[in-house]
Amino acid sequence: MPRYTYRCAACEETMVIRHSVDDKQHNCGVCGESDVLERLLSTINLHKTSAPQKEAAGSLVKEHIESTREEIKDMKEKLKHNWVQDE
């Protein structure tokens, strides 16, 4: 069953109540007042079932390093070529 967070307008207590989606809570279980509960926004808990793959990250880094090396090599050749023409 889902958990919902409520705040009582009368006693200002915050509580977590489990109930079905169709049920609505109106009465405070702490002070006993009726029609005083306000449902608050709750965070969602998501659990990842599989562990991250370290190989994927490692291969991405390797690819980036190799592409950067190629770019640097090309830049050096262009600079060398421009330097020779300037002389």
PDB file of N, CA and C in Angstrom:
ATOM      1  N   MET A   1       0.827  -1.181   0.000  1.00  0.00           N
ATOM      2  CA  MET A   1       0.000   0.000   0.000  1.00  0.00           C
ATOM      3  C   MET A   1       0.875   1.249   0.000  1.00  0.00           C
ATOM      4  N   PRO A   2       0.414   2.284  -0.692  1.00  0.00           N
ATOM      5  CA  PRO A   2       1.195   3.516  -0.726  1.00  0.00           C
ATOM      6  C   PRO A   2       1.168   4.256   0.607  1.00  0.00           C
ATOM      7  N   ARG A   3       2.218   5.017   0.846  1.00  0.00           N
ATOM      8  CA  ARG A   3       2.301   5.851   2.053  1.00  0.00           C
ATOM      9  C   ARG A   3       2.041   7.292   1.663  1.00  0.00           C
ATOM     10  N   TYR A   4       1.256   7.978   2.468  1.00  0.00           N
ATOM     11  CA  TYR A   4       0.936   9.376   2.227  1.00  0.00           C
ATOM     12  C   TYR A   4       1.289  10.188   3.466  1.00  0.00           C
ATOM     13  N   THR A   5       1.788  11.392   3.237  1.00  0.00           N
ATOM     14  CA  THR A   5       2.142  12.280   4.336  1.00  0.00           C
ATOM     15  C   THR A   5       1.037  13.322   4.492  1.00  0.00           C
ATOM     16  N   TYR A   6       0.562  13.452   5.734  1.00  0.00           N
ATOM     17  CA  TYR A   6      -0.496  14.411   6.039  1.00  0.00           C
ATOM     18  C   TYR A   6      -0.029  15.370   7.121  1.00  0.00           C
ATOM     19  N   ARG A   7      -0.645  16.565   7.120  1.00  0.00           N
ATOM     20  CA  ARG A   7      -0.411  17.532   8.190  1.00  0.00           C
ATOM     21  C   ARG A   7      -1.767  17.942   8.725  1.00  0.00           C
ATOM     22  N   CYS A   8      -1.884  17.952  10.046  1.00  0.00           N
ATOM     23  CA  CYS A   8      -3.128  18.335  10.703  1.00  0.00           C
ATOM     24  C   CYS A   8      -3.166  19.862  10.836  1.00  0.00           C
ATOM     25  N   ALA A   9      -4.273  20.461  10.394  1.00  0.00           N
ATOM     26  CA  ALA A   9      -4.425  21.917  10.490  1.00  0.00           C
ATOM     27  C   ALA A   9      -4.681  22.354  11.929  1.00  0.00           C
ATOM     28  N   ALA A  10      -5.209  21.452  12.771  1.00  0.00           N
ATOM     29  CA  ALA A  10      -5.523  21.815  14.155  1.00  0.00           C
ATOM     30  C   ALA A  10      -4.288  21.744  15.053  1.00  0.00           C
ATOM     31  N   CYS A  11      -3.613  20.604  15.076  1.00  0.00           N
ATOM     32  CA  CYS A  11      -2.474  20.443  15.992  1.00  0.00           C
ATOM     33  C   CYS A  11      -1.122  20.600  15.287  1.00  0.00           C
ATOM     34  N   GLU A  12      -1.129  20.738  13.960  1.00  0.00           N
ATOM     35  CA  GLU A  12       0.065  20.938  13.130  1.00  0.00           C
ATOM     36  C   GLU A  12       1.060  19.778  13.188  1.00  0.00           C
ATOM     37  N   GLU A  13       0.594  18.600  13.562  1.00  0.00           N
ATOM     38  CA  GLU A  13       1.439  17.402  13.535  1.00  0.00           C
ATOM     39  C   GLU A  13       1.495  16.863  12.113  1.00  0.00           C
ATOM     40  N   THR A  14       2.644  16.307  11.754  1.00  0.00           N
ATOM     41  CA  THR A  14       2.816  15.663  10.462  1.00  0.00           C
ATOM     42  C   THR A  14       2.889  14.170  10.690  1.00  0.00           C
ATOM     43  N   MET A  15       2.184  13.418   9.841  1.00  0.00           N
ATOM     44  CA  MET A  15       2.146  11.963  10.011  1.00  0.00           C
ATOM     45  C   MET A  15       2.158  11.271   8.658  1.00  0.00           C
ATOM     46  N   VAL A  16       2.637  10.044   8.658  1.00  0.00           N
ATOM     47  CA  VAL A  16       2.643   9.219   7.456  1.00  0.00           C
ATOM     48  C   VAL A  16       1.615   8.121   7.668  1.00  0.00           C
ATOM     49  N   ILE A  17       0.683   8.011   6.714  1.00  0.00           N
ATOM     50  CA  ILE A  17      -0.401   7.033   6.824  1.00  0.00           C
ATOM     51  C   ILE A  17      -0.386   6.172   5.568  1.00  0.00           C
ATOM     52  N   ARG A  18      -0.503   4.853   5.771  1.00  0.00           N
ATOM     53  CA  ARG A  18      -0.602   3.920   4.647  1.00  0.00           C
ATOM     54  C   ARG A  18      -2.071   3.618   4.398  1.00  0.00           C
ATOM     55  N   HIS A  19      -2.469   3.776   3.148  1.00  0.00           N
ATOM     56  CA  HIS A  19      -3.827   3.409   2.757  1.00  0.00           C
ATOM     57  C   HIS A  19      -3.877   3.268   1.246  1.00  0.00           C
ATOM     58  N   SER A  20      -4.976   2.707   0.742  1.00  0.00           N
ATOM     59  CA  SER A  20      -5.090   2.511  -0.703  1.00  0.00           C
ATOM     60  C   SER A  20      -5.295   3.851  -1.397  1.00  0.00           C
ATOM     61  N   VAL A  21      -5.137   3.843  -2.686  1.00  0.00           N
ATOM     62  CA  VAL A  21      -5.250   5.059  -3.472  1.00  0.00           C
ATOM     63  C   VAL A  21      -6.664   5.628  -3.380  1.00  0.00           C
ATOM     64  N   ASP A  22      -7.654   4.780  -3.299  1.00  0.00           N
ATOM     65  CA  ASP A  22      -9.050   5.223  -3.268  1.00  0.00           C
ATOM     66  C   ASP A  22      -9.465   5.810  -1.929  1.00  0.00           C
ATOM     67  N   ASP A  23      -8.799   5.419  -0.846  1.00  0.00           N
ATOM     68  CA  ASP A  23      -9.175   5.918   0.480  1.00  0.00           C
ATOM     69  C   ASP A  23      -8.696   7.351   0.670  1.00  0.00           C
ATOM     70  N   LYS A  24      -9.471   8.114   1.419  1.00  0.00           N
ATOM     71  CA  LYS A  24      -9.102   9.485   1.779  1.00  0.00           C
ATOM     72  C   LYS A  24      -9.116   9.595   3.294  1.00  0.00           C
ATOM     73  N   GLN A  25      -8.118  10.250   3.854  1.00  0.00           N
ATOM     74  CA  GLN A  25      -8.031  10.447   5.298  1.00  0.00           C
ATOM     75  C   GLN A  25      -8.449  11.885   5.625  1.00  0.00           C
ATOM     76  N   HIS A  26      -9.293  12.033   6.637  1.00  0.00           N
ATOM     77  CA  HIS A  26      -9.766  13.363   7.011  1.00  0.00           C
ATOM     78  C   HIS A  26      -9.578  13.643   8.499  1.00  0.00           C
ATOM     79  N   ASN A  27      -9.540  12.592   9.306  1.00  0.00           N
ATOM     80  CA  ASN A  27      -9.499  12.756  10.760  1.00  0.00           C
ATOM     81  C   ASN A  27      -8.092  12.564  11.294  1.00  0.00           C
ATOM     82  N   CYS A  28      -7.678  13.449  12.195  1.00  0.00           N
ATOM     83  CA  CYS A  28      -6.344  13.383  12.786  1.00  0.00           C
ATOM     84  C   CYS A  28      -6.308  12.296  13.858  1.00  0.00           C
ATOM     85  N   GLY A  29      -5.325  11.427  13.768  1.00  0.00           N
ATOM     86  CA  GLY A  29      -5.149  10.369  14.755  1.00  0.00           C
ATOM     87  C   GLY A  29      -4.465  10.861  16.019  1.00  0.00           C
ATOM     88  N   VAL A  30      -3.898  12.067  16.006  1.00  0.00           N
ATOM     89  CA  VAL A  30      -3.196  12.606  17.170  1.00  0.00           C
ATOM     90  C   VAL A  30      -4.149  13.399  18.058  1.00  0.00           C
ATOM     91  N   CYS A  31      -4.825  14.394  17.471  1.00  0.00           N
ATOM     92  CA  CYS A  31      -5.697  15.252  18.288  1.00  0.00           C
ATOM     93  C   CYS A  31      -7.165  14.851  18.207  1.00  0.00           C
ATOM     94  N   GLY A  32      -7.550  14.020  17.230  1.00  0.00           N
ATOM     95  CA  GLY A  32      -8.917  13.548  17.132  1.00  0.00           C
ATOM     96  C   GLY A  32      -9.859  14.463  16.375  1.00  0.00           C
ATOM     97  N   GLU A  33      -9.389  15.584  15.898  1.00  0.00           N
ATOM     98  CA  GLU A  33     -10.240  16.508  15.134  1.00  0.00           C
ATOM     99  C   GLU A  33     -10.614  15.875  13.797  1.00  0.00           C
ATOM    100  N   SER A  34     -11.769  16.258  13.262  1.00  0.00           N
ATOM    101  CA  SER A  34     -12.211  15.702  11.983  1.00  0.00           C
ATOM    102  C   SER A  34     -12.114  16.765  10.888  1.00  0.00           C
ATOM    103  N   ASP A  35     -11.921  16.314   9.678  1.00  0.00           N
ATOM    104  CA  ASP A  35     -11.791  17.162   8.485  1.00  0.00           C
ATOM    105  C   ASP A  35     -10.685  18.215   8.612  1.00  0.00           C
ATOM    106  N   VAL A  36      -9.535  17.813   9.156  1.00  0.00           N
ATOM    107  CA  VAL A  36      -8.433  18.762   9.344  1.00  0.00           C
ATOM    108  C   VAL A  36      -7.129  18.314   8.674  1.00  0.00           C
ATOM    109  N   LEU A  37      -7.122  17.131   8.055  1.00  0.00           N
ATOM    110  CA  LEU A  37      -5.881  16.631   7.454  1.00  0.00           C
ATOM    111  C   LEU A  37      -5.698  17.171   6.048  1.00  0.00           C
ATOM    112  N   GLU A  38      -4.479  17.580   5.759  1.00  0.00           N
ATOM    113  CA  GLU A  38      -4.094  18.052   4.438  1.00  0.00           C
ATOM    114  C   GLU A  38      -2.976  17.151   3.934  1.00  0.00           C
ATOM    115  N   ARG A  39      -3.174  16.553   2.775  1.00  0.00           N
ATOM    116  CA  ARG A  39      -2.153  15.661   2.227  1.00  0.00           C
ATOM    117  C   ARG A  39      -1.025  16.499   1.640  1.00  0.00           C
ATOM    118  N   LEU A  40       0.208  16.160   2.005  1.00  0.00           N
ATOM    119  CA  LEU A  40       1.400  16.867   1.537  1.00  0.00           C
ATOM    120  C   LEU A  40       2.027  16.113   0.379  1.00  0.00           C
ATOM    121  N   LEU A  41       2.800  16.812  -0.423  1.00  0.00           N
ATOM    122  CA  LEU A  41       3.531  16.157  -1.495  1.00  0.00           C
ATOM    123  C   LEU A  41       4.627  15.294  -0.888  1.00  0.00           C
ATOM    124  N   SER A  42       4.767  14.105  -1.406  1.00  0.00           N
ATOM    125  CA  SER A  42       5.772  13.171  -0.897  1.00  0.00           C
ATOM    126  C   SER A  42       6.819  12.921  -1.960  1.00  0.00           C
ATOM    127  N   THR A  43       7.987  12.506  -1.516  1.00  0.00           N
ATOM    128  CA  THR A  43       9.028  12.129  -2.463  1.00  0.00           C
ATOM    129  C   THR A  43       8.793  10.707  -2.924  1.00  0.00           C
ATOM    130  N   ILE A  44       9.316  10.397  -4.086  1.00  0.00           N
ATOM    131  CA  ILE A  44       9.182   9.054  -4.642  1.00  0.00           C
ATOM    132  C   ILE A  44      10.480   8.311  -4.401  1.00  0.00           C
ATOM    133  N   ASN A  45      10.379   7.101  -3.897  1.00  0.00           N
ATOM    134  CA  ASN A  45      11.560   6.261  -3.675  1.00  0.00           C
ATOM    135  C   ASN A  45      11.676   5.275  -4.824  1.00  0.00           C
ATOM    136  N   LEU A  46      12.721   5.423  -5.603  1.00  0.00           N
ATOM    137  CA  LEU A  46      12.979   4.502  -6.699  1.00  0.00           C
ATOM    138  C   LEU A  46      14.239   3.715  -6.380  1.00  0.00           C
ATOM    139  N   HIS A  47      14.187   2.421  -6.607  1.00  0.00           N
ATOM    140  CA  HIS A  47      15.335   1.565  -6.342  1.00  0.00           C
ATOM    141  C   HIS A  47      15.828   1.010  -7.670  1.00  0.00           C
ATOM    142  N   LYS A  48      17.093   1.219  -7.926  1.00  0.00           N
ATOM    143  CA  LYS A  48      17.689   0.682  -9.137  1.00  0.00           C
ATOM    144  C   LYS A  48      18.039  -0.775  -8.887  1.00  0.00           C
ATOM    145  N   THR A  49      17.602  -1.643  -9.779  1.00  0.00           N
ATOM    146  CA  THR A  49      17.795  -3.072  -9.563  1.00  0.00           C
ATOM    147  C   THR A  49      19.135  -3.586 -10.071  1.00  0.00           C
ATOM    148  N   SER A  50      19.722  -2.902 -11.043  1.00  0.00           N
ATOM    149  CA  SER A  50      20.996  -3.395 -11.563  1.00  0.00           C
ATOM    150  C   SER A  50      22.114  -2.411 -11.219  1.00  0.00           C
ATOM    151  N   ALA A  51      23.280  -2.952 -11.013  1.00  0.00           N
ATOM    152  CA  ALA A  51      24.451  -2.130 -10.693  1.00  0.00           C
ATOM    153  C   ALA A  51      24.947  -1.448 -11.964  1.00  0.00           C
ATOM    154  N   PRO A  52      25.484  -0.239 -11.835  1.00  0.00           N
ATOM    155  CA  PRO A  52      26.010   0.437 -13.037  1.00  0.00           C
ATOM    156  C   PRO A  52      27.191  -0.333 -13.611  1.00  0.00           C
ATOM    157  N   GLN A  53      27.300  -0.298 -14.908  1.00  0.00           N
ATOM    158  CA  GLN A  53      28.393  -1.011 -15.561  1.00  0.00           C
ATOM    159  C   GLN A  53      29.601  -0.095 -15.656  1.00  0.00           C
ATOM    160  N   LYS A  54      30.680  -0.518 -15.005  1.00  0.00           N
ATOM    161  CA  LYS A  54      31.898   0.283 -15.005  1.00  0.00           C
ATOM    162  C   LYS A  54      32.598   0.229 -16.348  1.00  0.00           C
ATOM    163  N   GLU A  55      32.408  -0.850 -17.063  1.00  0.00           N
ATOM    164  CA  GLU A  55      33.052  -0.976 -18.373  1.00  0.00           C
ATOM    165  C   GLU A  55      32.550   0.089 -19.325  1.00  0.00           C
ATOM    166  N   ALA A  56      31.264   0.390 -19.274  1.00  0.00           N
ATOM    167  CA  ALA A  56      30.697   1.383 -20.180  1.00  0.00           C
ATOM    168  C   ALA A  56      31.349   2.743 -19.931  1.00  0.00           C
ATOM    169  N   ALA A  57      31.485   3.133 -18.677  1.00  0.00           N
ATOM    170  CA  ALA A  57      32.108   4.422 -18.363  1.00  0.00           C
ATOM    171  C   ALA A  57      33.569   4.423 -18.796  1.00  0.00           C
ATOM    172  N   GLY A  58      34.270   3.350 -18.538  1.00  0.00           N
ATOM    173  CA  GLY A  58      35.677   3.249 -18.922  1.00  0.00           C
ATOM    174  C   GLY A  58      35.867   3.329 -20.423  1.00  0.00           C
ATOM    175  N   SER A  59      35.003   2.668 -21.168  1.00  0.00           N
ATOM    176  CA  SER A  59      35.137   2.703 -22.628  1.00  0.00           C
ATOM    177  C   SER A  59      34.806   4.089 -23.170  1.00  0.00           C
ATOM    178  N   LEU A  60      33.867   4.782 -22.541  1.00  0.00           N
ATOM    179  CA  LEU A  60      33.552   6.152 -22.962  1.00  0.00           C
ATOM    180  C   LEU A  60      34.745   7.075 -22.741  1.00  0.00           C
ATOM    181  N   VAL A  61      35.408   6.920 -21.623  1.00  0.00           N
ATOM    182  CA  VAL A  61      36.591   7.741 -21.332  1.00  0.00           C
ATOM    183  C   VAL A  61      37.689   7.443 -22.348  1.00  0.00           C
ATOM    184  N   LYS A  62      37.913   6.161 -22.638  1.00  0.00           N
ATOM    185  CA  LYS A  62      38.933   5.785 -23.613  1.00  0.00           C
ATOM    186  C   LYS A  62      38.638   6.393 -24.977  1.00  0.00           C
ATOM    187  N   GLU A  63      37.366   6.316 -25.406  1.00  0.00           N
ATOM    188  CA  GLU A  63      36.980   6.884 -26.697  1.00  0.00           C
ATOM    189  C   GLU A  63      37.228   8.392 -26.722  1.00  0.00           C
ATOM    190  N   HIS A  64      36.901   9.058 -25.649  1.00  0.00           N
ATOM    191  CA  HIS A  64      37.104  10.503 -25.580  1.00  0.00           C
ATOM    192  C   HIS A  64      38.596  10.851 -25.645  1.00  0.00           C
ATOM    193  N   ILE A  65      39.403  10.111 -24.923  1.00  0.00           N
ATOM    194  CA  ILE A  65      40.850  10.356 -24.935  1.00  0.00           C
ATOM    195  C   ILE A  65      41.405  10.152 -26.339  1.00  0.00           C
ATOM    196  N   GLU A  66      41.007   9.088 -27.002  1.00  0.00           N
ATOM    197  CA  GLU A  66      41.496   8.817 -28.356  1.00  0.00           C
ATOM    198  C   GLU A  66      41.063   9.901 -29.335  1.00  0.00           C
ATOM    199  N   SER A  67      39.809  10.327 -29.238  1.00  0.00           N
ATOM    200  CA  SER A  67      39.354  11.377 -30.161  1.00  0.00           C
ATOM    201  C   SER A  67      40.077  12.695 -29.881  1.00  0.00           C
ATOM    202  N   THR A  68      40.363  12.976 -28.635  1.00  0.00           N
ATOM    203  CA  THR A  68      41.104  14.193 -28.279  1.00  0.00           C
ATOM    204  C   THR A  68      42.533  14.123 -28.809  1.00  0.00           C
ATOM    205  N   ARG A  69      43.153  12.968 -28.707  1.00  0.00           N
ATOM    206  CA  ARG A  69      44.501  12.801 -29.251  1.00  0.00           C
ATOM    207  C   ARG A  69      44.518  13.074 -30.755  1.00  0.00           C
ATOM    208  N   GLU A  70      43.516  12.555 -31.469  1.00  0.00           N
ATOM    209  CA  GLU A  70      43.433  12.769 -32.908  1.00  0.00           C
ATOM    210  C   GLU A  70      43.260  14.256 -33.226  1.00  0.00           C
ATOM    211  N   GLU A  71      42.409  14.929 -32.450  1.00  0.00           N
ATOM    212  CA  GLU A  71      42.195  16.366 -32.665  1.00  0.00           C
ATOM    213  C   GLU A  71      43.492  17.150 -32.441  1.00  0.00           C
ATOM    214  N   ILE A  72      44.222  16.809 -31.394  1.00  0.00           N
ATOM    215  CA  ILE A  72      45.489  17.490 -31.096  1.00  0.00           C
ATOM    216  C   ILE A  72      46.501  17.238 -32.211  1.00  0.00           C
ATOM    217  N   LYS A  73      46.564  16.018 -32.705  1.00  0.00           N
ATOM    218  CA  LYS A  73      47.477  15.674 -33.794  1.00  0.00           C
ATOM    219  C   LYS A  73      47.143  16.491 -35.037  1.00  0.00           C
ATOM    220  N   ASP A  74      45.850  16.582 -35.370  1.00  0.00           N
ATOM    221  CA  ASP A  74      45.426  17.374 -36.527  1.00  0.00           C
ATOM    222  C   ASP A  74      45.758  18.853 -36.341  1.00  0.00           C
ATOM    223  N   MET A  75      45.544  19.376 -35.158  1.00  0.00           N
ATOM    224  CA  MET A  75      45.839  20.779 -34.879  1.00  0.00           C
ATOM    225  C   MET A  75      47.328  21.062 -35.014  1.00  0.00           C
ATOM    226  N   LYS A  76      48.168  20.147 -34.526  1.00  0.00           N
ATOM    227  CA  LYS A  76      49.620  20.313 -34.644  1.00  0.00           C
ATOM    228  C   LYS A  76      50.033  20.360 -36.110  1.00  0.00           C
ATOM    229  N   GLU A  77      49.460  19.486 -36.923  1.00  0.00           N
ATOM    230  CA  GLU A  77      49.791  19.452 -38.351  1.00  0.00           C
ATOM    231  C   GLU A  77      49.382  20.754 -39.027  1.00  0.00           C
ATOM    232  N   LYS A  78      48.194  21.265 -38.689  1.00  0.00           N
ATOM    233  CA  LYS A  78      47.740  22.528 -39.282  1.00  0.00           C
ATOM    234  C   LYS A  78      48.647  23.679 -38.866  1.00  0.00           C
ATOM    235  N   LEU A  79      49.011  23.724 -37.592  1.00  0.00           N
ATOM    236  CA  LEU A  79      49.897  24.779 -37.110  1.00  0.00           C
ATOM    237  C   LEU A  79      51.271  24.684 -37.762  1.00  0.00           C
ATOM    238  N   LYS A  80      51.770  23.475 -37.893  1.00  0.00           N
ATOM    239  CA  LYS A  80      53.073  23.257 -38.528  1.00  0.00           C
ATOM    240  C   LYS A  80      53.023  23.714 -39.982  1.00  0.00           C
ATOM    241  N   HIS A  81      51.937  23.382 -40.653  1.00  0.00           N
ATOM    242  CA  HIS A  81      51.764  23.765 -42.044  1.00  0.00           C
ATOM    243  C   HIS A  81      51.660  25.292 -42.172  1.00  0.00           C
ATOM    244  N   ASN A  82      50.931  25.946 -41.288  1.00  0.00           N
ATOM    245  CA  ASN A  82      50.801  27.413 -41.310  1.00  0.00           C
ATOM    246  C   ASN A  82      52.130  28.088 -40.992  1.00  0.00           C
ATOM    247  N   TRP A  83      52.898  27.529 -40.099  1.00  0.00           N
ATOM    248  CA  TRP A  83      54.180  28.106 -39.721  1.00  0.00           C
ATOM    249  C   TRP A  83      55.164  28.065 -40.873  1.00  0.00           C
ATOM    250  N   VAL A  84      55.158  26.961 -41.594  1.00  0.00           N
ATOM    251  CA  VAL A  84      56.051  26.794 -42.735  1.00  0.00           C
ATOM    252  C   VAL A  84      55.679  27.793 -43.817  1.00  0.00           C
ATOM    253  N   GLN A  85      54.400  28.033 -44.050  1.00  0.00           N
ATOM    254  CA  GLN A  85      53.971  28.985 -45.084  1.00  0.00           C
ATOM    255  C   GLN A  85      54.334  30.421 -44.717  1.00  0.00           C
ATOM    256  N   ASP A  86      54.356  30.762 -43.434  1.00  0.00           N
ATOM    257  CA  ASP A  86      54.660  32.117 -42.998  1.00  0.00           C
ATOM    258  C   ASP A  86      56.135  32.471 -43.185  1.00  0.00           C
ATOM    259  N   GLU A  87      56.992  31.516 -43.297  1.00  0.00           N
ATOM    260  CA  GLU A  87      58.421  31.795 -43.415  1.00  0.00           C
ATOM    261  C   GLU A  87      58.832  32.203 -44.786  1.00  0.00           C
TER     262      GLU A  87
END
